[in-house]
């Protein structure tokens, strides 16, 4: 009898990590971040940008045009500039949002708001989030930046159901000396504070895109998204790990570039994504259940299931 109990106990001990791993289901989903939606036969969970809100001399907005109806339920996502939240009363912004989401010919249970708020816009922005929750009775989520967790006592915690930590765009893209403005884990680690006391469940948003920043005299001129390393095989000299120098004046992606112009190539590298997932998981082991990748058009860049498996 004792031997039987021993073996049963051993089986339970060995099986526990497997049961825990199987129970810990982490979903991969994607942002769709274009002004036109025309995807066919998509089975993935999507966070679709449906509205861009900005402010110049007045409140301005761009609504996403739906040429196709999304196959599955999705999360309408709304981008609002910080300048808008500084200059426009939240009631006017909410009125615009409610009007625009009514035009969506689908049912949804959640609205996500993307705004990098500041101390001067915090009160107005948080009022907007509370009003949306009250008036829609939907799940409300909001994007969070790393600095807004490290310094949450100043920046505040948005009154939403959960947050999405935007684990990219960590350094100044216009600074010639930036290593990789898309994803730099050495910079991210400087903000790994207060996760244990941050009172908001978090999901993780990671980048899949690549880009090149065009410099002249070390001053930024433009950004080319979606470029790959092979684009620099001709007409360029590689002068450092990710810096390329133009050999002679020519056209590049439809733009005329000059001899000696410099390009910094930035990518969402597989090993950097692995490290980011490991770090975030160690900080949020109790609530980590979804990764939202930016963006859908790059979904086949890596085997994301394998990436997740190798990272945890």
C-alpha atoms as a PDB file:
ATOM      1  CA  UNK A   1       0.000   0.000   0.000  1.00  0.00           C
ATOM      2  CA  UNK A   2       2.828   2.389   0.895  1.00  0.00           C
ATOM      3  CA  UNK A   3       4.540   1.618  -2.434  1.00  0.00           C
ATOM      4  CA  UNK A   4       1.306   2.373  -4.299  1.00  0.00           C
ATOM      5  CA  UNK A   5       0.912   5.709  -2.505  1.00  0.00           C
ATOM      6  CA  UNK A   6       4.532   6.558  -3.259  1.00  0.00           C
ATOM      7  CA  UNK A   7       4.127   5.927  -6.980  1.00  0.00           C
ATOM      8  CA  UNK A   8       0.848   7.880  -7.082  1.00  0.00           C
ATOM      9  CA  UNK A   9       2.552  10.821  -5.382  1.00  0.00           C
ATOM     10  CA  UNK A  10       5.442  10.627  -7.843  1.00  0.00           C
ATOM     11  CA  UNK A  11       3.056  10.689 -10.810  1.00  0.00           C
ATOM     12  CA  UNK A  12       1.297  13.769  -9.413  1.00  0.00           C
ATOM     13  CA  UNK A  13       4.597  15.582  -8.864  1.00  0.00           C
ATOM     14  CA  UNK A  14       5.859  14.787 -12.369  1.00  0.00           C
ATOM     15  CA  UNK A  15       2.534  15.625 -14.006  1.00  0.00           C
ATOM     16  CA  UNK A  16       1.999  18.962 -12.272  1.00  0.00           C
ATOM     17  CA  UNK A  17       4.283  21.064 -14.542  1.00  0.00           C
ATOM     18  CA  UNK A  18       2.652  19.497 -17.598  1.00  0.00           C
ATOM     19  CA  UNK A  19      -0.829  20.267 -16.309  1.00  0.00           C
ATOM     20  CA  UNK A  20       0.244  23.777 -15.446  1.00  0.00           C
ATOM     21  CA  UNK A  21       1.782  24.309 -18.894  1.00  0.00           C
ATOM     22  CA  UNK A  22      -1.301  23.010 -20.653  1.00  0.00           C
ATOM     23  CA  UNK A  23      -3.519  25.169 -18.460  1.00  0.00           C
ATOM     24  CA  UNK A  24      -1.424  28.250 -19.242  1.00  0.00           C
ATOM     25  CA  UNK A  25      -2.840  28.981 -22.670  1.00  0.00           C
ATOM     26  CA  UNK A  26      -1.320  32.027 -24.303  1.00  0.00           C
ATOM     27  CA  UNK A  27      -3.113  33.350 -27.358  1.00  0.00           C
ATOM     28  CA  UNK A  28      -1.429  34.970 -30.354  1.00  0.00           C
ATOM     29  CA  UNK A  29      -3.398  37.817 -31.909  1.00  0.00           C
ATOM     30  CA  UNK A  30      -2.653  40.747 -34.211  1.00  0.00           C
ATOM     31  CA  UNK A  31      -3.142  44.434 -34.764  1.00  0.00           C
ATOM     32  CA  UNK A  32      -4.564  45.504 -38.115  1.00  0.00           C
ATOM     33  CA  UNK A  33      -3.299  49.069 -38.474  1.00  0.00           C
ATOM     34  CA  UNK A  34      -4.399  50.424 -41.834  1.00  0.00           C
ATOM     35  CA  UNK A  35      -7.028  52.898 -42.996  1.00  0.00           C
ATOM     36  CA  UNK A  36      -8.637  50.233 -45.194  1.00  0.00           C
ATOM     37  CA  UNK A  37      -9.734  46.737 -44.200  1.00  0.00           C
ATOM     38  CA  UNK A  38      -9.979  44.160 -47.001  1.00  0.00           C
ATOM     39  CA  UNK A  39      -8.712  40.881 -45.510  1.00  0.00           C
ATOM     40  CA  UNK A  40     -10.225  37.566 -46.552  1.00  0.00           C
ATOM     41  CA  UNK A  41     -10.492  34.285 -44.646  1.00  0.00           C
ATOM     42  CA  UNK A  42      -8.766  35.374 -41.461  1.00  0.00           C
ATOM     43  CA  UNK A  43      -9.135  33.121 -38.442  1.00  0.00           C
ATOM     44  CA  UNK A  44      -6.894  35.041 -36.061  1.00  0.00           C
ATOM     45  CA  UNK A  45      -8.134  37.345 -33.333  1.00  0.00           C
ATOM     46  CA  UNK A  46      -7.699  40.907 -34.582  1.00  0.00           C
ATOM     47  CA  UNK A  47      -7.490  44.305 -32.956  1.00  0.00           C
ATOM     48  CA  UNK A  48      -8.571  46.499 -35.854  1.00  0.00           C
ATOM     49  CA  UNK A  49      -7.817  50.209 -35.819  1.00  0.00           C
ATOM     50  CA  UNK A  50     -11.149  51.774 -36.699  1.00  0.00           C
ATOM     51  CA  UNK A  51     -10.436  55.411 -35.897  1.00  0.00           C
ATOM     52  CA  UNK A  52      -7.499  57.868 -35.802  1.00  0.00           C
ATOM     53  CA  UNK A  53      -8.190  60.991 -33.749  1.00  0.00           C
ATOM     54  CA  UNK A  54      -5.849  63.976 -33.848  1.00  0.00           C
ATOM     55  CA  UNK A  55      -5.832  67.702 -33.265  1.00  0.00           C
ATOM     56  CA  UNK A  56      -4.297  70.476 -35.340  1.00  0.00           C
ATOM     57  CA  UNK A  57      -6.358  73.635 -35.224  1.00  0.00           C
ATOM     58  CA  UNK A  58      -9.469  71.557 -34.638  1.00  0.00           C
ATOM     59  CA  UNK A  59     -10.495  67.989 -33.841  1.00  0.00           C
ATOM     60  CA  UNK A  60      -9.730  65.741 -36.831  1.00  0.00           C
ATOM     61  CA  UNK A  61     -10.283  62.063 -37.485  1.00  0.00           C
ATOM     62  CA  UNK A  62      -9.866  59.313 -40.055  1.00  0.00           C
ATOM     63  CA  UNK A  63     -12.199  56.318 -40.037  1.00  0.00           C
ATOM     64  CA  UNK A  64     -11.067  52.962 -41.380  1.00  0.00           C
ATOM     65  CA  UNK A  65     -12.892  51.962 -44.538  1.00  0.00           C
ATOM     66  CA  UNK A  66     -14.201  48.389 -44.454  1.00  0.00           C
ATOM     67  CA  UNK A  67     -14.173  46.927 -47.971  1.00  0.00           C
ATOM     68  CA  UNK A  68     -14.694  43.467 -46.416  1.00  0.00           C
ATOM     69  CA  UNK A  69     -16.567  42.437 -43.322  1.00  0.00           C
ATOM     70  CA  UNK A  70     -14.251  40.805 -40.766  1.00  0.00           C
ATOM     71  CA  UNK A  71     -14.845  37.079 -40.632  1.00  0.00           C
ATOM     72  CA  UNK A  72     -14.683  36.877 -36.859  1.00  0.00           C
ATOM     73  CA  UNK A  73     -15.468  39.133 -33.953  1.00  0.00           C
ATOM     74  CA  UNK A  74     -12.741  41.726 -33.434  1.00  0.00           C
ATOM     75  CA  UNK A  75     -11.686  44.445 -31.005  1.00  0.00           C
ATOM     76  CA  UNK A  76     -12.233  47.970 -32.388  1.00  0.00           C
ATOM     77  CA  UNK A  77      -9.113  49.966 -31.552  1.00  0.00           C
ATOM     78  CA  UNK A  78      -8.967  53.752 -31.486  1.00  0.00           C
ATOM     79  CA  UNK A  79      -5.785  55.817 -31.696  1.00  0.00           C
ATOM     80  CA  UNK A  80      -5.828  59.231 -30.017  1.00  0.00           C
ATOM     81  CA  UNK A  81      -2.897  61.631 -29.998  1.00  0.00           C
ATOM     82  CA  UNK A  82      -1.786  63.101 -26.711  1.00  0.00           C
ATOM     83  CA  UNK A  83      -2.238  66.571 -28.198  1.00  0.00           C
ATOM     84  CA  UNK A  84      -5.932  65.796 -28.684  1.00  0.00           C
ATOM     85  CA  UNK A  85      -6.334  64.854 -25.039  1.00  0.00           C
ATOM     86  CA  UNK A  86      -4.588  68.092 -24.044  1.00  0.00           C
ATOM     87  CA  UNK A  87      -6.762  70.354 -26.190  1.00  0.00           C
ATOM     88  CA  UNK A  88     -10.227  68.753 -26.490  1.00  0.00           C
ATOM     89  CA  UNK A  89     -12.710  67.996 -23.719  1.00  0.00           C
ATOM     90  CA  UNK A  90     -13.247  64.271 -23.236  1.00  0.00           C
ATOM     91  CA  UNK A  91     -17.012  64.619 -23.768  1.00  0.00           C
ATOM     92  CA  UNK A  92     -16.473  65.813 -27.332  1.00  0.00           C
ATOM     93  CA  UNK A  93     -14.017  62.989 -28.012  1.00  0.00           C
ATOM     94  CA  UNK A  94     -16.372  60.384 -26.550  1.00  0.00           C
ATOM     95  CA  UNK A  95     -19.229  61.706 -28.682  1.00  0.00           C
ATOM     96  CA  UNK A  96     -17.090  61.200 -31.796  1.00  0.00           C
ATOM     97  CA  UNK A  97     -16.051  57.683 -30.735  1.00  0.00           C
ATOM     98  CA  UNK A  98     -19.603  56.569 -29.973  1.00  0.00           C
ATOM     99  CA  UNK A  99     -20.814  57.920 -33.303  1.00  0.00           C
ATOM    100  CA  UNK A 100     -18.091  56.128 -35.248  1.00  0.00           C
ATOM    101  CA  UNK A 101     -18.370  52.741 -33.551  1.00  0.00           C
ATOM    102  CA  UNK A 102     -22.112  52.689 -34.222  1.00  0.00           C
ATOM    103  CA  UNK A 103     -21.325  52.427 -37.925  1.00  0.00           C
ATOM    104  CA  UNK A 104     -19.527  49.111 -37.411  1.00  0.00           C
ATOM    105  CA  UNK A 105     -21.726  46.405 -38.828  1.00  0.00           C
ATOM    106  CA  UNK A 106     -20.783  43.815 -36.234  1.00  0.00           C
ATOM    107  CA  UNK A 107     -21.120  42.998 -32.563  1.00  0.00           C
ATOM    108  CA  UNK A 108     -18.154  43.371 -30.240  1.00  0.00           C
ATOM    109  CA  UNK A 109     -17.502  43.078 -26.536  1.00  0.00           C
ATOM    110  CA  UNK A 110     -14.457  45.300 -26.140  1.00  0.00           C
ATOM    111  CA  UNK A 111     -13.049  48.669 -27.170  1.00  0.00           C
ATOM    112  CA  UNK A 112      -9.330  49.399 -26.981  1.00  0.00           C
ATOM    113  CA  UNK A 113      -7.909  52.911 -26.719  1.00  0.00           C
ATOM    114  CA  UNK A 114      -4.333  53.685 -27.758  1.00  0.00           C
ATOM    115  CA  UNK A 115      -3.040  56.953 -26.333  1.00  0.00           C
ATOM    116  CA  UNK A 116       0.355  57.834 -24.901  1.00  0.00           C
ATOM    117  CA  UNK A 117      -1.035  60.229 -22.320  1.00  0.00           C
ATOM    118  CA  UNK A 118       1.038  62.694 -20.309  1.00  0.00           C
ATOM    119  CA  UNK A 119       0.686  64.375 -16.923  1.00  0.00           C
ATOM    120  CA  UNK A 120      -1.137  67.319 -18.493  1.00  0.00           C
ATOM    121  CA  UNK A 121      -3.644  65.122 -20.353  1.00  0.00           C
ATOM    122  CA  UNK A 122      -4.077  62.404 -17.713  1.00  0.00           C
ATOM    123  CA  UNK A 123      -7.232  63.727 -16.043  1.00  0.00           C
ATOM    124  CA  UNK A 124      -9.054  64.355 -19.321  1.00  0.00           C
ATOM    125  CA  UNK A 125      -7.976  60.982 -20.721  1.00  0.00           C
ATOM    126  CA  UNK A 126      -8.963  59.007 -17.630  1.00  0.00           C
ATOM    127  CA  UNK A 127     -12.358  60.743 -17.664  1.00  0.00           C
ATOM    128  CA  UNK A 128     -12.799  59.593 -21.259  1.00  0.00           C
ATOM    129  CA  UNK A 129     -12.044  55.978 -20.327  1.00  0.00           C
ATOM    130  CA  UNK A 130     -14.507  56.054 -17.440  1.00  0.00           C
ATOM    131  CA  UNK A 131     -17.204  57.599 -19.614  1.00  0.00           C
ATOM    132  CA  UNK A 132     -16.730  54.973 -22.339  1.00  0.00           C
ATOM    133  CA  UNK A 133     -17.061  52.196 -19.778  1.00  0.00           C
ATOM    134  CA  UNK A 134     -20.229  53.696 -18.343  1.00  0.00           C
ATOM    135  CA  UNK A 135     -21.894  54.534 -21.661  1.00  0.00           C
ATOM    136  CA  UNK A 136     -21.012  51.372 -23.623  1.00  0.00           C
ATOM    137  CA  UNK A 137     -20.927  48.734 -20.872  1.00  0.00           C
ATOM    138  CA  UNK A 138     -18.119  47.064 -22.848  1.00  0.00           C
ATOM    139  CA  UNK A 139     -14.728  45.810 -21.762  1.00  0.00           C
ATOM    140  CA  UNK A 140     -12.388  48.791 -22.064  1.00  0.00           C
ATOM    141  CA  UNK A 141      -8.651  48.243 -22.521  1.00  0.00           C
ATOM    142  CA  UNK A 142      -5.843  50.740 -22.946  1.00  0.00           C
ATOM    143  CA  UNK A 143      -2.277  50.639 -24.198  1.00  0.00           C
ATOM    144  CA  UNK A 144       0.475  51.140 -21.619  1.00  0.00           C
ATOM    145  CA  UNK A 145       4.109  52.190 -22.092  1.00  0.00           C
ATOM    146  CA  UNK A 146       6.968  50.925 -19.965  1.00  0.00           C
ATOM    147  CA  UNK A 147       7.615  54.325 -18.353  1.00  0.00           C
ATOM    148  CA  UNK A 148       3.964  54.475 -17.285  1.00  0.00           C
ATOM    149  CA  UNK A 149       4.535  51.424 -15.107  1.00  0.00           C
ATOM    150  CA  UNK A 150       7.894  52.425 -13.689  1.00  0.00           C
ATOM    151  CA  UNK A 151       6.535  55.863 -12.758  1.00  0.00           C
ATOM    152  CA  UNK A 152       2.902  54.906 -12.213  1.00  0.00           C
ATOM    153  CA  UNK A 153       2.610  57.020  -9.044  1.00  0.00           C
ATOM    154  CA  UNK A 154       3.028  60.070 -11.300  1.00  0.00           C
ATOM    155  CA  UNK A 155       1.481  58.889 -14.556  1.00  0.00           C
ATOM    156  CA  UNK A 156      -1.439  57.137 -12.881  1.00  0.00           C
ATOM    157  CA  UNK A 157      -3.121  53.838 -13.689  1.00  0.00           C
ATOM    158  CA  UNK A 158      -5.875  54.142 -16.309  1.00  0.00           C
ATOM    159  CA  UNK A 159      -9.375  53.094 -15.136  1.00  0.00           C
ATOM    160  CA  UNK A 160      -9.801  50.183 -17.549  1.00  0.00           C
ATOM    161  CA  UNK A 161     -10.372  46.435 -17.392  1.00  0.00           C
ATOM    162  CA  UNK A 162      -6.831  45.627 -18.515  1.00  0.00           C
ATOM    163  CA  UNK A 163      -3.804  47.153 -20.186  1.00  0.00           C
ATOM    164  CA  UNK A 164      -1.662  46.180 -23.178  1.00  0.00           C
ATOM    165  CA  UNK A 165       2.041  46.812 -22.641  1.00  0.00           C
ATOM    166  CA  UNK A 166       3.498  48.174 -25.888  1.00  0.00           C
ATOM    167  CA  UNK A 167       6.904  46.479 -25.767  1.00  0.00           C
ATOM    168  CA  UNK A 168       8.400  48.376 -28.693  1.00  0.00           C
ATOM    169  CA  UNK A 169       9.301  51.898 -29.873  1.00  0.00           C
ATOM    170  CA  UNK A 170      11.527  52.227 -26.813  1.00  0.00           C
ATOM    171  CA  UNK A 171      14.106  54.752 -27.975  1.00  0.00           C
ATOM    172  CA  UNK A 172      14.174  57.899 -30.085  1.00  0.00           C
ATOM    173  CA  UNK A 173      13.838  56.899 -33.713  1.00  0.00           C
ATOM    174  CA  UNK A 174      15.251  60.261 -34.831  1.00  0.00           C
ATOM    175  CA  UNK A 175      18.452  59.883 -32.804  1.00  0.00           C
ATOM    176  CA  UNK A 176      21.215  58.632 -35.071  1.00  0.00           C
ATOM    177  CA  UNK A 177      22.866  56.870 -32.130  1.00  0.00           C
ATOM    178  CA  UNK A 178      19.814  54.767 -31.262  1.00  0.00           C
ATOM    179  CA  UNK A 179      20.660  51.086 -31.601  1.00  0.00           C
ATOM    180  CA  UNK A 180      17.242  49.744 -32.561  1.00  0.00           C
ATOM    181  CA  UNK A 181      14.245  51.950 -31.857  1.00  0.00           C
ATOM    182  CA  UNK A 182      11.842  49.069 -32.550  1.00  0.00           C
ATOM    183  CA  UNK A 183      12.976  46.679 -29.822  1.00  0.00           C
ATOM    184  CA  UNK A 184      15.966  47.145 -27.547  1.00  0.00           C
ATOM    185  CA  UNK A 185      15.843  44.815 -24.547  1.00  0.00           C
ATOM    186  CA  UNK A 186      18.732  46.590 -22.829  1.00  0.00           C
ATOM    187  CA  UNK A 187      16.583  49.723 -22.673  1.00  0.00           C
ATOM    188  CA  UNK A 188      13.460  47.766 -21.711  1.00  0.00           C
ATOM    189  CA  UNK A 189      15.227  46.274 -18.694  1.00  0.00           C
ATOM    190  CA  UNK A 190      15.763  49.777 -17.307  1.00  0.00           C
ATOM    191  CA  UNK A 191      11.981  49.981 -16.859  1.00  0.00           C
ATOM    192  CA  UNK A 192      11.403  46.628 -15.173  1.00  0.00           C
ATOM    193  CA  UNK A 193      10.126  48.194 -11.973  1.00  0.00           C
ATOM    194  CA  UNK A 194       6.816  48.144 -10.072  1.00  0.00           C
ATOM    195  CA  UNK A 195       5.235  45.316 -12.040  1.00  0.00           C
ATOM    196  CA  UNK A 196       4.584  43.556  -8.743  1.00  0.00           C
ATOM    197  CA  UNK A 197       2.501  46.465  -7.434  1.00  0.00           C
ATOM    198  CA  UNK A 198       0.962  47.713 -10.686  1.00  0.00           C
ATOM    199  CA  UNK A 199      -2.791  47.275 -10.213  1.00  0.00           C
ATOM    200  CA  UNK A 200      -3.766  46.372 -13.733  1.00  0.00           C
ATOM    201  CA  UNK A 201      -3.739  43.065 -15.562  1.00  0.00           C
ATOM    202  CA  UNK A 202      -1.472  43.252 -18.604  1.00  0.00           C
ATOM    203  CA  UNK A 203      -1.268  41.678 -22.026  1.00  0.00           C
ATOM    204  CA  UNK A 204       1.863  41.989 -24.155  1.00  0.00           C
ATOM    205  CA  UNK A 205       2.214  43.723 -27.532  1.00  0.00           C
ATOM    206  CA  UNK A 206       5.300  42.887 -29.602  1.00  0.00           C
ATOM    207  CA  UNK A 207       6.597  44.097 -32.991  1.00  0.00           C
ATOM    208  CA  UNK A 208       7.117  42.000 -36.102  1.00  0.00           C
ATOM    209  CA  UNK A 209       7.972  44.755 -38.562  1.00  0.00           C
ATOM    210  CA  UNK A 210      11.284  46.060 -39.861  1.00  0.00           C
ATOM    211  CA  UNK A 211      12.223  49.520 -41.064  1.00  0.00           C
ATOM    212  CA  UNK A 212      15.054  51.779 -42.173  1.00  0.00           C
ATOM    213  CA  UNK A 213      15.623  55.347 -41.079  1.00  0.00           C
ATOM    214  CA  UNK A 214      17.178  57.598 -43.702  1.00  0.00           C
ATOM    215  CA  UNK A 215      19.770  60.118 -42.440  1.00  0.00           C
ATOM    216  CA  UNK A 216      21.749  62.916 -44.029  1.00  0.00           C
ATOM    217  CA  UNK A 217      24.453  64.542 -41.914  1.00  0.00           C
ATOM    218  CA  UNK A 218      23.027  62.378 -39.114  1.00  0.00           C
ATOM    219  CA  UNK A 219      19.698  64.194 -39.343  1.00  0.00           C
ATOM    220  CA  UNK A 220      16.588  62.033 -40.014  1.00  0.00           C
ATOM    221  CA  UNK A 221      14.814  62.512 -43.337  1.00  0.00           C
ATOM    222  CA  UNK A 222      12.307  59.672 -43.617  1.00  0.00           C
ATOM    223  CA  UNK A 223      11.306  56.157 -42.536  1.00  0.00           C
ATOM    224  CA  UNK A 224      10.914  53.157 -44.836  1.00  0.00           C
ATOM    225  CA  UNK A 225       8.806  50.411 -43.278  1.00  0.00           C
ATOM    226  CA  UNK A 226       8.974  46.819 -44.452  1.00  0.00           C
ATOM    227  CA  UNK A 227      12.498  46.898 -45.850  1.00  0.00           C
ATOM    228  CA  UNK A 228      14.751  43.875 -45.405  1.00  0.00           C
ATOM    229  CA  UNK A 229      18.520  43.455 -45.280  1.00  0.00           C
ATOM    230  CA  UNK A 230      18.655  42.331 -48.904  1.00  0.00           C
ATOM    231  CA  UNK A 231      17.436  45.779 -49.939  1.00  0.00           C
ATOM    232  CA  UNK A 232      20.911  47.059 -49.067  1.00  0.00           C
ATOM    233  CA  UNK A 233      22.874  44.575 -51.200  1.00  0.00           C
ATOM    234  CA  UNK A 234      23.283  47.009 -54.077  1.00  0.00           C
ATOM    235  CA  UNK A 235      24.309  50.665 -53.989  1.00  0.00           C
ATOM    236  CA  UNK A 236      25.262  50.499 -50.291  1.00  0.00           C
ATOM    237  CA  UNK A 237      28.342  49.889 -48.181  1.00  0.00           C
ATOM    238  CA  UNK A 238      27.831  48.335 -44.774  1.00  0.00           C
ATOM    239  CA  UNK A 239      29.800  50.471 -42.343  1.00  0.00           C
ATOM    240  CA  UNK A 240      28.629  48.960 -39.045  1.00  0.00           C
ATOM    241  CA  UNK A 241      26.250  46.298 -37.742  1.00  0.00           C
ATOM    242  CA  UNK A 242      23.104  48.019 -39.011  1.00  0.00           C
ATOM    243  CA  UNK A 243      24.311  51.222 -40.734  1.00  0.00           C
ATOM    244  CA  UNK A 244      24.525  51.388 -44.541  1.00  0.00           C
ATOM    245  CA  UNK A 245      26.118  54.162 -46.604  1.00  0.00           C
ATOM    246  CA  UNK A 246      24.953  55.093 -50.103  1.00  0.00           C
ATOM    247  CA  UNK A 247      27.716  54.512 -52.699  1.00  0.00           C
ATOM    248  CA  UNK A 248      26.278  56.811 -55.348  1.00  0.00           C
ATOM    249  CA  UNK A 249      23.109  58.824 -55.818  1.00  0.00           C
ATOM    250  CA  UNK A 250      20.220  56.646 -56.945  1.00  0.00           C
ATOM    251  CA  UNK A 251      16.570  55.752 -56.307  1.00  0.00           C
ATOM    252  CA  UNK A 252      15.550  53.694 -53.269  1.00  0.00           C
ATOM    253  CA  UNK A 253      11.947  52.622 -52.758  1.00  0.00           C
ATOM    254  CA  UNK A 254      10.780  55.400 -55.039  1.00  0.00           C
ATOM    255  CA  UNK A 255      12.849  58.133 -53.359  1.00  0.00           C
ATOM    256  CA  UNK A 256      15.990  59.747 -54.704  1.00  0.00           C
ATOM    257  CA  UNK A 257      18.862  59.295 -52.265  1.00  0.00           C
ATOM    258  CA  UNK A 258      22.282  60.919 -52.382  1.00  0.00           C
ATOM    259  CA  UNK A 259      25.827  59.612 -52.161  1.00  0.00           C
ATOM    260  CA  UNK A 260      26.979  59.340 -48.538  1.00  0.00           C
ATOM    261  CA  UNK A 261      23.429  59.315 -47.118  1.00  0.00           C
ATOM    262  CA  UNK A 262      23.118  56.824 -44.269  1.00  0.00           C
ATOM    263  CA  UNK A 263      20.424  54.268 -43.454  1.00  0.00           C
ATOM    264  CA  UNK A 264      19.921  52.557 -40.120  1.00  0.00           C
ATOM    265  CA  UNK A 265      18.255  49.185 -40.619  1.00  0.00           C
ATOM    266  CA  UNK A 266      16.079  48.037 -37.724  1.00  0.00           C
ATOM    267  CA  UNK A 267      14.367  44.696 -37.331  1.00  0.00           C
ATOM    268  CA  UNK A 268      12.259  42.707 -34.895  1.00  0.00           C
ATOM    269  CA  UNK A 269      14.756  39.886 -34.449  1.00  0.00           C
ATOM    270  CA  UNK A 270      13.689  36.424 -33.381  1.00  0.00           C
ATOM    271  CA  UNK A 271      16.155  36.277 -30.487  1.00  0.00           C
ATOM    272  CA  UNK A 272      15.094  39.734 -29.253  1.00  0.00           C
ATOM    273  CA  UNK A 273      11.444  38.688 -29.279  1.00  0.00           C
ATOM    274  CA  UNK A 274      12.375  35.564 -27.322  1.00  0.00           C
ATOM    275  CA  UNK A 275      14.121  37.643 -24.684  1.00  0.00           C
ATOM    276  CA  UNK A 276      11.212  40.071 -24.464  1.00  0.00           C
ATOM    277  CA  UNK A 277       8.714  37.248 -23.924  1.00  0.00           C
ATOM    278  CA  UNK A 278      10.913  35.653 -21.252  1.00  0.00           C
ATOM    279  CA  UNK A 279      11.318  38.950 -19.440  1.00  0.00           C
ATOM    280  CA  UNK A 280       7.641  39.825 -19.564  1.00  0.00           C
ATOM    281  CA  UNK A 281       6.614  36.347 -18.451  1.00  0.00           C
ATOM    282  CA  UNK A 282       8.907  36.572 -15.428  1.00  0.00           C
ATOM    283  CA  UNK A 283       7.329  39.920 -14.523  1.00  0.00           C
ATOM    284  CA  UNK A 284       3.699  38.887 -15.170  1.00  0.00           C
ATOM    285  CA  UNK A 285       3.517  35.122 -14.688  1.00  0.00           C
ATOM    286  CA  UNK A 286       0.103  35.290 -13.009  1.00  0.00           C
ATOM    287  CA  UNK A 287      -1.712  37.295 -15.668  1.00  0.00           C
ATOM    288  CA  UNK A 288       0.120  36.682 -18.954  1.00  0.00           C
ATOM    289  CA  UNK A 289      -2.381  35.133 -21.388  1.00  0.00           C
ATOM    290  CA  UNK A 290      -2.079  36.921 -24.743  1.00  0.00           C
ATOM    291  CA  UNK A 291       0.493  38.418 -27.112  1.00  0.00           C
ATOM    292  CA  UNK A 292      -0.736  40.943 -29.664  1.00  0.00           C
ATOM    293  CA  UNK A 293       1.688  41.317 -32.555  1.00  0.00           C
ATOM    294  CA  UNK A 294       2.092  44.494 -34.573  1.00  0.00           C
ATOM    295  CA  UNK A 295       0.987  43.885 -37.194  1.00  0.00           C
ATOM    296  CA  UNK A 296      -1.095  41.366 -39.150  1.00  0.00           C
ATOM    297  CA  UNK A 297       0.694  41.799 -42.484  1.00  0.00           C
ATOM    298  CA  UNK A 298       3.878  40.355 -40.905  1.00  0.00           C
ATOM    299  CA  UNK A 299       2.191  37.345 -39.300  1.00  0.00           C
ATOM    300  CA  UNK A 300       4.163  34.820 -41.362  1.00  0.00           C
ATOM    301  CA  UNK A 301       7.552  36.330 -40.646  1.00  0.00           C
ATOM    302  CA  UNK A 302       8.244  33.744 -37.929  1.00  0.00           C
ATOM    303  CA  UNK A 303       6.640  30.589 -36.600  1.00  0.00           C
ATOM    304  CA  UNK A 304       4.994  32.337 -33.664  1.00  0.00           C
ATOM    305  CA  UNK A 305       3.872  29.138 -31.964  1.00  0.00           C
ATOM    306  CA  UNK A 306       7.442  27.915 -32.001  1.00  0.00           C
ATOM    307  CA  UNK A 307       8.671  31.299 -30.810  1.00  0.00           C
ATOM    308  CA  UNK A 308       6.383  31.126 -27.799  1.00  0.00           C
ATOM    309  CA  UNK A 309       7.287  27.526 -27.063  1.00  0.00           C
ATOM    310  CA  UNK A 310      11.011  28.311 -27.136  1.00  0.00           C
ATOM    311  CA  UNK A 311      10.588  31.405 -24.979  1.00  0.00           C
ATOM    312  CA  UNK A 312       8.749  29.911 -21.996  1.00  0.00           C
END
